[in-house]
C-alpha atoms as a PDB file:
ATOM      1  CA  UNK A   1       9.828   8.426  14.362  1.00  0.00           C
ATOM      2  CA  UNK A   2      10.450   6.337  11.269  1.00  0.00           C
ATOM      3  CA  UNK A   3       7.575   5.632   8.848  1.00  0.00           C
ATOM      4  CA  UNK A   4       7.183   1.914   7.985  1.00  0.00           C
ATOM      5  CA  UNK A   5       7.963   0.927   4.405  1.00  0.00           C
ATOM      6  CA  UNK A   6       6.152  -1.416   2.031  1.00  0.00           C
ATOM      7  CA  UNK A   7       8.017  -3.571  -0.490  1.00  0.00           C
ATOM      8  CA  UNK A   8       6.417  -3.892  -3.919  1.00  0.00           C
ATOM      9  CA  UNK A   9       5.720  -7.552  -4.795  1.00  0.00           C
ATOM     10  CA  UNK A  10       6.323  -6.750  -8.473  1.00  0.00           C
ATOM     11  CA  UNK A  11       9.561  -4.702  -8.588  1.00  0.00           C
ATOM     12  CA  UNK A  12      10.814  -4.973  -4.949  1.00  0.00           C
ATOM     13  CA  UNK A  13      11.159  -1.196  -4.495  1.00  0.00           C
ATOM     14  CA  UNK A  14      10.471  -0.061  -0.915  1.00  0.00           C
ATOM     15  CA  UNK A  15       8.314   3.038  -0.423  1.00  0.00           C
ATOM     16  CA  UNK A  16       6.950   4.728   2.721  1.00  0.00           C
ATOM     17  CA  UNK A  17       3.587   3.265   3.693  1.00  0.00           C
ATOM     18  CA  UNK A  18       1.787   6.609   3.507  1.00  0.00           C
ATOM     19  CA  UNK A  19       2.882   7.041  -0.153  1.00  0.00           C
ATOM     20  CA  UNK A  20       1.618   3.709  -1.496  1.00  0.00           C
ATOM     21  CA  UNK A  21      -1.431   2.753   0.599  1.00  0.00           C
ATOM     22  CA  UNK A  22      -4.826   4.446   0.354  1.00  0.00           C
ATOM     23  CA  UNK A  23      -7.602   3.640   2.840  1.00  0.00           C
ATOM     24  CA  UNK A  24     -11.136   3.252   1.517  1.00  0.00           C
ATOM     25  CA  UNK A  25     -14.329   3.942   3.424  1.00  0.00           C
ATOM     26  CA  UNK A  26     -15.277   0.238   3.385  1.00  0.00           C
ATOM     27  CA  UNK A  27     -12.194  -0.658   5.535  1.00  0.00           C
ATOM     28  CA  UNK A  28     -10.274  -1.944   2.473  1.00  0.00           C
ATOM     29  CA  UNK A  29      -6.946  -0.604   1.212  1.00  0.00           C
ATOM     30  CA  UNK A  30      -5.508   0.141  -2.234  1.00  0.00           C
ATOM     31  CA  UNK A  31      -1.797  -0.413  -2.881  1.00  0.00           C
ATOM     32  CA  UNK A  32      -0.095   1.363  -5.795  1.00  0.00           C
ATOM     33  CA  UNK A  33       3.639   1.295  -6.487  1.00  0.00           C
ATOM     34  CA  UNK A  34       4.931   4.666  -7.643  1.00  0.00           C
ATOM     35  CA  UNK A  35       7.886   3.064  -9.453  1.00  0.00           C
ATOM     36  CA  UNK A  36       6.304   0.371 -11.636  1.00  0.00           C
ATOM     37  CA  UNK A  37       2.602   1.342 -11.221  1.00  0.00           C
ATOM     38  CA  UNK A  38       1.670  -2.123  -9.950  1.00  0.00           C
ATOM     39  CA  UNK A  39      -1.715  -1.888  -8.215  1.00  0.00           C
ATOM     40  CA  UNK A  40      -3.781  -4.078  -5.903  1.00  0.00           C
ATOM     41  CA  UNK A  41      -7.290  -2.971  -4.976  1.00  0.00           C
ATOM     42  CA  UNK A  42      -9.651  -4.027  -2.188  1.00  0.00           C
ATOM     43  CA  UNK A  43      -7.034  -5.444   0.177  1.00  0.00           C
ATOM     44  CA  UNK A  44      -9.126  -6.538   3.150  1.00  0.00           C
ATOM     45  CA  UNK A  45      -8.221  -5.314   6.605  1.00  0.00           C
ATOM     46  CA  UNK A  46      -9.715  -6.080   9.989  1.00  0.00           C
ATOM     47  CA  UNK A  47     -11.566  -3.427  11.937  1.00  0.00           C
ATOM     48  CA  UNK A  48     -10.289  -2.519  15.261  1.00  0.00           C
END
């Protein structure tokens, strides 16, 4: 099974989802690009 990738909005590098997304206990997500260190915190997700 192939792991989905996420494309960085800053540098356009694609990384596996499990390497760049971190789930928080409040149902939000943190994105951090390993290549350029671009980071977005508190990305809202829907429960379910």
